[in-house]
Amino acid sequence: MPTLAKEAHLSDIVVTSTRDYLLVYFGVVDCFTEEMMTAIESGLDTTFTFFIRLYEKRGFWLDRKIADIKVKHSIKYNNLKKNYELRLSEQNNKTIVLKDFDEAKELMAEVVALKVTPLHTLKKGVDYKLRMMAELDKIILPFYLHRIFFALSLWDFETDWYSIDFQY
């Protein structure tokens, strides 16, 4: 019987800036179940998608959307080379090759210094809301894996939306 993971959720959310950009950092915890790790180690390509949206809060009016970003992190185990190949869309999908599964899981589950918007698009003294969430992309299994991963839905996840309000 598959083991249920704790509910996946975002943590360690930090909103900051450089001289030119608004940045966000965050991670997803409790997103890897035993079944998911087994599937990854069997060579199944797995993708997490992170959604980040920035709004200008406008009181009685609808909030104005400033940024709508989708970030994808994909992992595939190469059984011949015995390594994990990661692609992070915010790093131009450059392939990162790792031997250590724990290190690969950490990179898969965190967004680091993502440029949300140039600072010149923000107005001093105005309130903003940054919303973010993560999900595991739906996976279509090859026929020969259907029996092994019959409980696939038990390792699908989608976090709640998280919001950070701030004033620039």
N, C-alpha and C. Protein backbone atom coordinates (compact mmCIF):
# COMPACT_ATOMS: atom_id res chain seq x y z
N MET A 1 0.85 -1.18 0.00
CA MET A 1 0.00 0.00 0.00
C MET A 1 0.89 1.24 0.00
N PRO A 2 0.68 2.21 -0.89
CA PRO A 2 1.50 3.41 -0.94
C PRO A 2 1.41 4.22 0.34
N THR A 3 2.51 4.86 0.67
CA THR A 3 2.55 5.71 1.84
C THR A 3 2.13 7.12 1.46
N LEU A 4 1.25 7.70 2.22
CA LEU A 4 0.84 9.08 1.95
C LEU A 4 1.85 10.03 2.55
N ALA A 5 2.23 11.03 1.78
CA ALA A 5 3.14 12.05 2.30
C ALA A 5 2.33 13.08 3.06
N LYS A 6 3.02 13.84 3.87
CA LYS A 6 2.37 15.00 4.46
C LYS A 6 1.97 15.90 3.29
N GLU A 7 1.05 16.80 3.54
CA GLU A 7 0.61 17.67 2.46
C GLU A 7 1.73 18.63 2.04
N ALA A 8 2.00 18.66 0.74
CA ALA A 8 3.03 19.55 0.21
C ALA A 8 2.63 21.00 0.44
N HIS A 9 3.61 21.82 0.81
CA HIS A 9 3.34 23.24 1.04
C HIS A 9 4.61 24.06 0.79
N LEU A 10 4.41 25.35 0.57
CA LEU A 10 5.53 26.26 0.36
C LEU A 10 6.09 26.69 1.71
N SER A 11 7.40 26.96 1.73
CA SER A 11 8.03 27.43 2.96
C SER A 11 9.18 28.37 2.62
N ASP A 12 9.69 29.01 3.66
CA ASP A 12 10.87 29.88 3.53
C ASP A 12 10.72 30.91 2.41
N ILE A 13 9.56 31.56 2.37
CA ILE A 13 9.28 32.56 1.33
C ILE A 13 9.97 33.88 1.69
N VAL A 14 10.77 34.36 0.77
CA VAL A 14 11.48 35.63 0.97
C VAL A 14 11.28 36.48 -0.28
N VAL A 15 10.84 37.71 -0.07
CA VAL A 15 10.72 38.69 -1.16
C VAL A 15 11.75 39.77 -0.88
N THR A 16 12.61 40.04 -1.84
CA THR A 16 13.66 41.04 -1.66
C THR A 16 13.94 41.68 -3.02
N SER A 17 14.97 42.49 -3.07
CA SER A 17 15.29 43.12 -4.35
C SER A 17 16.79 43.30 -4.50
N THR A 18 17.18 43.42 -5.76
CA THR A 18 18.53 43.86 -6.09
C THR A 18 18.38 45.33 -6.45
N ARG A 19 19.39 45.89 -7.03
CA ARG A 19 19.30 47.28 -7.46
C ARG A 19 18.25 47.44 -8.57
N ASP A 20 18.05 46.36 -9.37
CA ASP A 20 17.20 46.46 -10.55
C ASP A 20 15.94 45.61 -10.55
N TYR A 21 15.88 44.55 -9.73
CA TYR A 21 14.77 43.59 -9.81
C TYR A 21 14.17 43.24 -8.46
N LEU A 22 12.87 42.93 -8.48
CA LEU A 22 12.19 42.31 -7.35
C LEU A 22 12.46 40.81 -7.47
N LEU A 23 12.92 40.19 -6.38
CA LEU A 23 13.26 38.77 -6.39
C LEU A 23 12.39 38.01 -5.40
N VAL A 24 12.20 36.71 -5.67
CA VAL A 24 11.51 35.85 -4.71
C VAL A 24 12.31 34.56 -4.56
N TYR A 25 12.32 34.06 -3.32
CA TYR A 25 12.91 32.77 -2.97
C TYR A 25 11.84 31.98 -2.24
N PHE A 26 11.71 30.69 -2.52
CA PHE A 26 10.83 29.82 -1.74
C PHE A 26 11.11 28.36 -2.08
N GLY A 27 10.58 27.48 -1.25
CA GLY A 27 10.75 26.05 -1.49
C GLY A 27 9.45 25.32 -1.24
N VAL A 28 9.39 24.09 -1.72
CA VAL A 28 8.25 23.21 -1.46
C VAL A 28 8.75 22.11 -0.54
N VAL A 29 8.04 21.87 0.54
CA VAL A 29 8.40 20.78 1.45
C VAL A 29 7.31 19.72 1.43
N ASP A 30 7.69 18.51 1.81
CA ASP A 30 6.79 17.36 1.85
C ASP A 30 6.18 17.05 0.48
N CYS A 31 6.98 17.19 -0.57
CA CYS A 31 6.46 16.94 -1.92
C CYS A 31 6.93 15.62 -2.50
N PHE A 32 7.89 14.95 -1.87
CA PHE A 32 8.40 13.69 -2.40
C PHE A 32 7.90 12.52 -1.55
N THR A 33 7.12 11.63 -2.16
CA THR A 33 6.68 10.41 -1.49
C THR A 33 7.60 9.26 -1.93
N GLU A 34 7.51 8.15 -1.25
CA GLU A 34 8.28 6.96 -1.64
C GLU A 34 7.95 6.56 -3.07
N GLU A 35 6.65 6.61 -3.43
CA GLU A 35 6.23 6.22 -4.77
C GLU A 35 6.83 7.14 -5.83
N MET A 36 6.87 8.43 -5.54
CA MET A 36 7.43 9.38 -6.50
C MET A 36 8.92 9.12 -6.66
N MET A 37 9.62 8.90 -5.56
CA MET A 37 11.06 8.66 -5.65
C MET A 37 11.34 7.37 -6.42
N THR A 38 10.52 6.34 -6.22
CA THR A 38 10.67 5.10 -6.98
C THR A 38 10.43 5.35 -8.46
N ALA A 39 9.42 6.12 -8.78
CA ALA A 39 9.12 6.43 -10.18
C ALA A 39 10.26 7.20 -10.83
N ILE A 40 10.80 8.19 -10.11
CA ILE A 40 11.93 8.96 -10.65
C ILE A 40 13.12 8.04 -10.89
N GLU A 41 13.42 7.18 -9.91
CA GLU A 41 14.58 6.29 -10.04
C GLU A 41 14.36 5.21 -11.11
N SER A 42 13.12 5.02 -11.55
CA SER A 42 12.86 4.09 -12.65
C SER A 42 13.01 4.79 -14.01
N GLY A 43 13.32 6.10 -13.98
CA GLY A 43 13.56 6.84 -15.22
C GLY A 43 12.40 7.69 -15.68
N LEU A 44 11.35 7.77 -14.87
CA LEU A 44 10.18 8.56 -15.25
C LEU A 44 10.50 10.06 -15.15
N ASP A 45 10.31 10.79 -16.23
CA ASP A 45 10.54 12.24 -16.25
C ASP A 45 9.45 12.91 -15.41
N THR A 46 9.86 13.70 -14.43
CA THR A 46 8.93 14.33 -13.49
C THR A 46 9.16 15.83 -13.50
N THR A 47 8.07 16.60 -13.53
CA THR A 47 8.17 18.06 -13.61
C THR A 47 7.32 18.73 -12.54
N PHE A 48 7.94 19.68 -11.83
CA PHE A 48 7.22 20.57 -10.92
C PHE A 48 7.03 21.89 -11.66
N THR A 49 5.85 22.48 -11.51
CA THR A 49 5.59 23.80 -12.08
C THR A 49 5.27 24.75 -10.95
N PHE A 50 5.93 25.90 -10.95
CA PHE A 50 5.71 26.94 -9.95
C PHE A 50 5.05 28.12 -10.65
N PHE A 51 4.01 28.64 -10.03
CA PHE A 51 3.29 29.80 -10.57
C PHE A 51 3.53 30.98 -9.63
N ILE A 52 3.95 32.10 -10.19
CA ILE A 52 4.24 33.31 -9.41
C ILE A 52 3.51 34.46 -10.08
N ARG A 53 2.71 35.18 -9.29
CA ARG A 53 1.96 36.32 -9.83
C ARG A 53 2.13 37.52 -8.91
N LEU A 54 2.36 38.66 -9.52
CA LEU A 54 2.50 39.91 -8.77
C LEU A 54 1.37 40.85 -9.16
N TYR A 55 0.72 41.41 -8.14
CA TYR A 55 -0.40 42.34 -8.35
C TYR A 55 -0.14 43.65 -7.62
N GLU A 56 -0.59 44.73 -8.23
CA GLU A 56 -0.68 46.01 -7.54
C GLU A 56 -2.06 46.05 -6.90
N LYS A 57 -2.09 46.24 -5.57
CA LYS A 57 -3.38 46.28 -4.87
C LYS A 57 -4.01 47.65 -5.10
N ARG A 58 -5.33 47.64 -5.42
CA ARG A 58 -5.98 48.90 -5.76
C ARG A 58 -7.28 49.13 -5.01
N GLY A 59 -7.37 48.67 -3.77
CA GLY A 59 -8.54 48.97 -2.94
C GLY A 59 -9.84 48.46 -3.52
N PHE A 60 -10.71 49.39 -3.91
CA PHE A 60 -12.04 49.02 -4.40
C PHE A 60 -12.02 48.50 -5.84
N TRP A 61 -10.95 48.75 -6.57
CA TRP A 61 -10.82 48.27 -7.94
C TRP A 61 -10.20 46.88 -7.92
N LEU A 62 -10.31 46.17 -9.05
CA LEU A 62 -9.60 44.90 -9.17
C LEU A 62 -8.10 45.17 -9.13
N ASP A 63 -7.38 44.27 -8.48
CA ASP A 63 -5.93 44.41 -8.44
C ASP A 63 -5.37 44.30 -9.86
N ARG A 64 -4.31 45.05 -10.13
CA ARG A 64 -3.69 45.06 -11.46
C ARG A 64 -2.55 44.04 -11.50
N LYS A 65 -2.62 43.11 -12.45
CA LYS A 65 -1.57 42.10 -12.58
C LYS A 65 -0.35 42.72 -13.24
N ILE A 66 0.80 42.57 -12.58
CA ILE A 66 2.05 43.11 -13.09
C ILE A 66 2.91 42.01 -13.71
N ALA A 67 2.92 40.84 -13.08
CA ALA A 67 3.74 39.72 -13.57
C ALA A 67 2.98 38.42 -13.40
N ASP A 68 3.14 37.53 -14.35
CA ASP A 68 2.53 36.20 -14.31
C ASP A 68 3.59 35.23 -14.86
N ILE A 69 4.25 34.53 -13.96
CA ILE A 69 5.42 33.73 -14.32
C ILE A 69 5.14 32.25 -14.05
N LYS A 70 5.58 31.41 -14.98
CA LYS A 70 5.51 29.96 -14.80
C LYS A 70 6.94 29.43 -14.90
N VAL A 71 7.38 28.73 -13.84
CA VAL A 71 8.72 28.16 -13.79
C VAL A 71 8.58 26.65 -13.73
N LYS A 72 9.38 25.94 -14.52
CA LYS A 72 9.33 24.47 -14.53
C LYS A 72 10.68 23.89 -14.11
N HIS A 73 10.62 22.89 -13.23
CA HIS A 73 11.80 22.13 -12.83
C HIS A 73 11.53 20.67 -13.19
N SER A 74 12.39 20.08 -13.99
CA SER A 74 12.21 18.69 -14.42
C SER A 74 13.40 17.84 -14.00
N ILE A 75 13.11 16.58 -13.67
CA ILE A 75 14.16 15.64 -13.28
C ILE A 75 13.94 14.32 -14.00
N LYS A 76 15.06 13.74 -14.42
CA LYS A 76 15.01 12.41 -15.04
C LYS A 76 16.26 11.67 -14.61
N TYR A 77 16.07 10.43 -14.19
CA TYR A 77 17.20 9.60 -13.78
C TYR A 77 17.74 8.87 -15.00
N ASN A 78 19.05 8.95 -15.22
CA ASN A 78 19.70 8.24 -16.30
C ASN A 78 20.28 6.96 -15.72
N ASN A 79 19.61 5.85 -15.99
CA ASN A 79 19.98 4.57 -15.39
C ASN A 79 21.34 4.07 -15.88
N LEU A 80 21.71 4.40 -17.10
CA LEU A 80 23.00 3.96 -17.63
C LEU A 80 24.16 4.70 -16.96
N LYS A 81 24.01 6.00 -16.81
CA LYS A 81 25.07 6.82 -16.22
C LYS A 81 24.95 6.94 -14.70
N LYS A 82 23.83 6.46 -14.15
CA LYS A 82 23.58 6.52 -12.70
C LYS A 82 23.65 7.95 -12.17
N ASN A 83 22.96 8.86 -12.89
CA ASN A 83 22.90 10.24 -12.41
C ASN A 83 21.53 10.83 -12.69
N TYR A 84 21.29 12.00 -12.10
CA TYR A 84 20.02 12.71 -12.23
C TYR A 84 20.26 13.92 -13.11
N GLU A 85 19.39 14.10 -14.10
CA GLU A 85 19.49 15.24 -15.00
C GLU A 85 18.34 16.19 -14.70
N LEU A 86 18.68 17.40 -14.27
CA LEU A 86 17.68 18.40 -13.94
C LEU A 86 17.71 19.51 -14.98
N ARG A 87 16.52 20.05 -15.25
CA ARG A 87 16.39 21.22 -16.11
C ARG A 87 15.53 22.23 -15.36
N LEU A 88 16.06 23.43 -15.20
CA LEU A 88 15.37 24.50 -14.49
C LEU A 88 15.09 25.61 -15.50
N SER A 89 13.82 25.91 -15.73
CA SER A 89 13.48 26.88 -16.78
C SER A 89 14.06 28.26 -16.50
N GLU A 90 14.18 28.64 -15.22
CA GLU A 90 14.72 29.96 -14.92
C GLU A 90 16.22 30.04 -15.19
N GLN A 91 16.84 28.89 -15.47
CA GLN A 91 18.25 28.86 -15.86
C GLN A 91 18.38 28.41 -17.32
N ASN A 92 17.42 28.83 -18.14
CA ASN A 92 17.40 28.54 -19.58
C ASN A 92 17.40 27.04 -19.89
N ASN A 93 16.82 26.24 -19.00
CA ASN A 93 16.72 24.78 -19.17
C ASN A 93 18.06 24.10 -19.38
N LYS A 94 19.12 24.75 -18.89
CA LYS A 94 20.44 24.13 -18.93
C LYS A 94 20.38 22.85 -18.10
N THR A 95 20.96 21.76 -18.60
CA THR A 95 20.95 20.49 -17.87
C THR A 95 21.98 20.52 -16.76
N ILE A 96 21.53 20.20 -15.56
CA ILE A 96 22.40 20.08 -14.39
C ILE A 96 22.46 18.59 -14.07
N VAL A 97 23.66 18.03 -14.00
CA VAL A 97 23.83 16.60 -13.75
C VAL A 97 24.35 16.41 -12.33
N LEU A 98 23.63 15.57 -11.58
CA LEU A 98 23.99 15.29 -10.18
C LEU A 98 23.97 13.80 -9.92
N LYS A 99 24.85 13.35 -9.05
CA LYS A 99 24.86 11.94 -8.62
C LYS A 99 24.00 11.74 -7.38
N ASP A 100 23.90 12.76 -6.54
CA ASP A 100 23.22 12.65 -5.25
C ASP A 100 21.73 12.99 -5.37
N PHE A 101 20.87 12.02 -5.03
CA PHE A 101 19.42 12.21 -5.16
C PHE A 101 18.92 13.28 -4.20
N ASP A 102 19.47 13.35 -2.99
CA ASP A 102 19.01 14.37 -2.03
C ASP A 102 19.30 15.78 -2.56
N GLU A 103 20.46 15.96 -3.15
CA GLU A 103 20.80 17.26 -3.74
C GLU A 103 19.88 17.58 -4.92
N ALA A 104 19.58 16.57 -5.72
CA ALA A 104 18.67 16.76 -6.86
C ALA A 104 17.28 17.15 -6.38
N LYS A 105 16.78 16.48 -5.33
CA LYS A 105 15.45 16.80 -4.79
C LYS A 105 15.41 18.22 -4.25
N GLU A 106 16.50 18.64 -3.62
CA GLU A 106 16.56 20.01 -3.08
C GLU A 106 16.46 21.05 -4.21
N LEU A 107 17.21 20.84 -5.28
CA LEU A 107 17.15 21.78 -6.42
C LEU A 107 15.78 21.76 -7.09
N MET A 108 15.18 20.58 -7.16
CA MET A 108 13.84 20.46 -7.77
C MET A 108 12.81 21.27 -7.02
N ALA A 109 12.94 21.32 -5.70
CA ALA A 109 11.88 21.85 -4.84
C ALA A 109 12.10 23.29 -4.41
N GLU A 110 13.10 23.99 -4.97
CA GLU A 110 13.30 25.37 -4.54
C GLU A 110 13.44 26.32 -5.71
N VAL A 111 12.93 27.52 -5.50
CA VAL A 111 13.07 28.61 -6.46
C VAL A 111 13.99 29.63 -5.79
N VAL A 112 15.08 29.96 -6.46
CA VAL A 112 16.11 30.81 -5.85
C VAL A 112 16.33 32.06 -6.70
N ALA A 113 16.16 33.22 -6.07
CA ALA A 113 16.45 34.51 -6.71
C ALA A 113 15.77 34.67 -8.07
N LEU A 114 14.49 34.30 -8.12
CA LEU A 114 13.73 34.46 -9.36
C LEU A 114 13.40 35.94 -9.56
N LYS A 115 13.75 36.46 -10.74
CA LYS A 115 13.43 37.85 -11.07
C LYS A 115 11.95 37.94 -11.40
N VAL A 116 11.19 38.63 -10.56
CA VAL A 116 9.74 38.75 -10.75
C VAL A 116 9.41 39.89 -11.69
N THR A 117 10.02 41.05 -11.46
CA THR A 117 9.77 42.21 -12.31
C THR A 117 10.88 43.23 -12.10
N PRO A 118 11.17 44.04 -13.11
CA PRO A 118 12.11 45.15 -12.90
C PRO A 118 11.53 46.14 -11.89
N LEU A 119 12.36 46.69 -11.04
CA LEU A 119 11.88 47.62 -10.01
C LEU A 119 11.24 48.87 -10.61
N HIS A 120 11.64 49.26 -11.81
CA HIS A 120 11.06 50.48 -12.40
C HIS A 120 9.56 50.31 -12.69
N THR A 121 9.03 49.07 -12.66
CA THR A 121 7.60 48.86 -12.87
C THR A 121 6.79 49.06 -11.58
N LEU A 122 7.48 49.18 -10.44
CA LEU A 122 6.80 49.37 -9.16
C LEU A 122 6.81 50.85 -8.79
N LYS A 123 5.79 51.26 -8.01
CA LYS A 123 5.68 52.65 -7.58
C LYS A 123 5.94 52.75 -6.08
N LYS A 124 6.72 53.73 -5.70
CA LYS A 124 7.03 53.95 -4.27
C LYS A 124 5.75 54.21 -3.49
N GLY A 125 5.65 53.59 -2.29
CA GLY A 125 4.51 53.82 -1.41
C GLY A 125 3.25 53.06 -1.78
N VAL A 126 3.31 52.20 -2.80
CA VAL A 126 2.13 51.45 -3.26
C VAL A 126 2.18 50.04 -2.69
N ASP A 127 1.00 49.47 -2.38
CA ASP A 127 0.90 48.11 -1.84
C ASP A 127 0.83 47.10 -2.98
N TYR A 128 1.52 45.98 -2.77
CA TYR A 128 1.58 44.90 -3.75
C TYR A 128 1.29 43.56 -3.08
N LYS A 129 0.87 42.60 -3.90
CA LYS A 129 0.64 41.24 -3.42
C LYS A 129 1.36 40.29 -4.36
N LEU A 130 2.20 39.43 -3.77
CA LEU A 130 2.89 38.39 -4.54
C LEU A 130 2.25 37.06 -4.17
N ARG A 131 1.75 36.33 -5.18
CA ARG A 131 1.11 35.03 -4.94
C ARG A 131 1.94 33.95 -5.63
N MET A 132 2.02 32.79 -4.99
CA MET A 132 2.77 31.69 -5.57
C MET A 132 2.19 30.35 -5.15
N MET A 133 2.38 29.34 -6.00
CA MET A 133 1.97 27.97 -5.70
C MET A 133 2.80 27.02 -6.55
N ALA A 134 2.74 25.74 -6.19
CA ALA A 134 3.50 24.72 -6.93
C ALA A 134 2.61 23.52 -7.19
N GLU A 135 2.90 22.82 -8.29
CA GLU A 135 2.18 21.58 -8.57
C GLU A 135 3.08 20.60 -9.29
N LEU A 136 2.76 19.34 -9.14
CA LEU A 136 3.41 18.29 -9.91
C LEU A 136 2.62 18.14 -11.19
N ASP A 137 3.30 18.25 -12.33
CA ASP A 137 2.60 18.11 -13.61
C ASP A 137 2.01 16.71 -13.71
N LYS A 138 0.86 16.62 -14.36
CA LYS A 138 0.22 15.33 -14.58
C LYS A 138 1.15 14.46 -15.42
N ILE A 139 1.21 13.20 -15.06
CA ILE A 139 2.15 12.29 -15.72
C ILE A 139 1.37 11.21 -16.46
N ILE A 140 1.78 10.97 -17.69
CA ILE A 140 1.21 9.86 -18.46
C ILE A 140 2.25 8.75 -18.45
N LEU A 141 1.87 7.65 -17.84
CA LEU A 141 2.80 6.54 -17.70
C LEU A 141 2.87 5.69 -18.96
N PRO A 142 4.06 5.17 -19.27
CA PRO A 142 4.13 4.16 -20.32
C PRO A 142 3.32 2.95 -19.86
N PHE A 143 2.74 2.22 -20.79
CA PHE A 143 1.85 1.12 -20.45
C PHE A 143 2.49 0.13 -19.48
N TYR A 144 3.78 -0.21 -19.68
CA TYR A 144 4.43 -1.21 -18.85
C TYR A 144 4.58 -0.78 -17.39
N LEU A 145 4.40 0.51 -17.09
CA LEU A 145 4.51 0.97 -15.71
C LEU A 145 3.15 1.10 -15.02
N HIS A 146 2.06 0.91 -15.75
CA HIS A 146 0.73 1.09 -15.15
C HIS A 146 0.52 0.18 -13.94
N ARG A 147 0.98 -1.06 -14.02
CA ARG A 147 0.79 -1.97 -12.90
C ARG A 147 1.63 -1.58 -11.69
N ILE A 148 2.84 -1.13 -11.94
CA ILE A 148 3.75 -0.79 -10.84
C ILE A 148 3.25 0.45 -10.10
N PHE A 149 2.79 1.45 -10.84
CA PHE A 149 2.38 2.72 -10.24
C PHE A 149 0.87 2.92 -10.35
N PHE A 150 0.12 1.88 -9.95
CA PHE A 150 -1.34 1.94 -10.06
C PHE A 150 -1.93 3.04 -9.19
N ALA A 151 -1.23 3.47 -8.16
CA ALA A 151 -1.77 4.49 -7.24
C ALA A 151 -1.14 5.85 -7.53
N LEU A 152 -0.92 6.14 -8.79
CA LEU A 152 -0.25 7.38 -9.19
C LEU A 152 -0.88 8.61 -8.57
N SER A 153 -2.20 8.64 -8.46
CA SER A 153 -2.86 9.83 -7.94
C SER A 153 -2.45 10.13 -6.51
N LEU A 154 -1.92 9.15 -5.81
CA LEU A 154 -1.50 9.39 -4.43
C LEU A 154 -0.21 10.19 -4.34
N TRP A 155 0.49 10.37 -5.47
CA TRP A 155 1.66 11.22 -5.39
C TRP A 155 1.57 12.44 -6.29
N ASP A 156 0.39 12.75 -6.75
CA ASP A 156 0.14 14.06 -7.37
C ASP A 156 0.09 15.08 -6.24
N PHE A 157 0.52 16.30 -6.49
CA PHE A 157 0.33 17.32 -5.47
C PHE A 157 0.11 18.67 -6.12
N GLU A 158 -0.54 19.50 -5.38
CA GLU A 158 -0.72 20.90 -5.73
C GLU A 158 -0.80 21.63 -4.40
N THR A 159 0.06 22.62 -4.22
CA THR A 159 0.01 23.38 -2.97
C THR A 159 -1.13 24.40 -3.03
N ASP A 160 -1.46 24.93 -1.90
CA ASP A 160 -2.36 26.08 -1.86
C ASP A 160 -1.61 27.28 -2.43
N TRP A 161 -2.37 28.32 -2.76
CA TRP A 161 -1.75 29.59 -3.13
C TRP A 161 -1.28 30.28 -1.84
N TYR A 162 -0.08 30.84 -1.88
CA TYR A 162 0.47 31.59 -0.75
C TYR A 162 0.61 33.04 -1.20
N SER A 163 0.33 33.98 -0.29
CA SER A 163 0.39 35.40 -0.63
C SER A 163 1.29 36.14 0.34
N ILE A 164 2.04 37.06 -0.21
CA ILE A 164 2.87 37.97 0.58
C ILE A 164 2.45 39.38 0.18
N ASP A 165 2.02 40.18 1.15
CA ASP A 165 1.69 41.58 0.90
C ASP A 165 2.89 42.43 1.31
N PHE A 166 3.21 43.41 0.50
CA PHE A 166 4.32 44.30 0.83
C PHE A 166 4.09 45.67 0.20
N GLN A 167 4.81 46.63 0.72
CA GLN A 167 4.76 47.98 0.17
C GLN A 167 6.14 48.30 -0.38
N TYR A 168 6.18 48.88 -1.56
CA TYR A 168 7.46 49.21 -2.17
C TYR A 168 7.89 50.60 -1.74
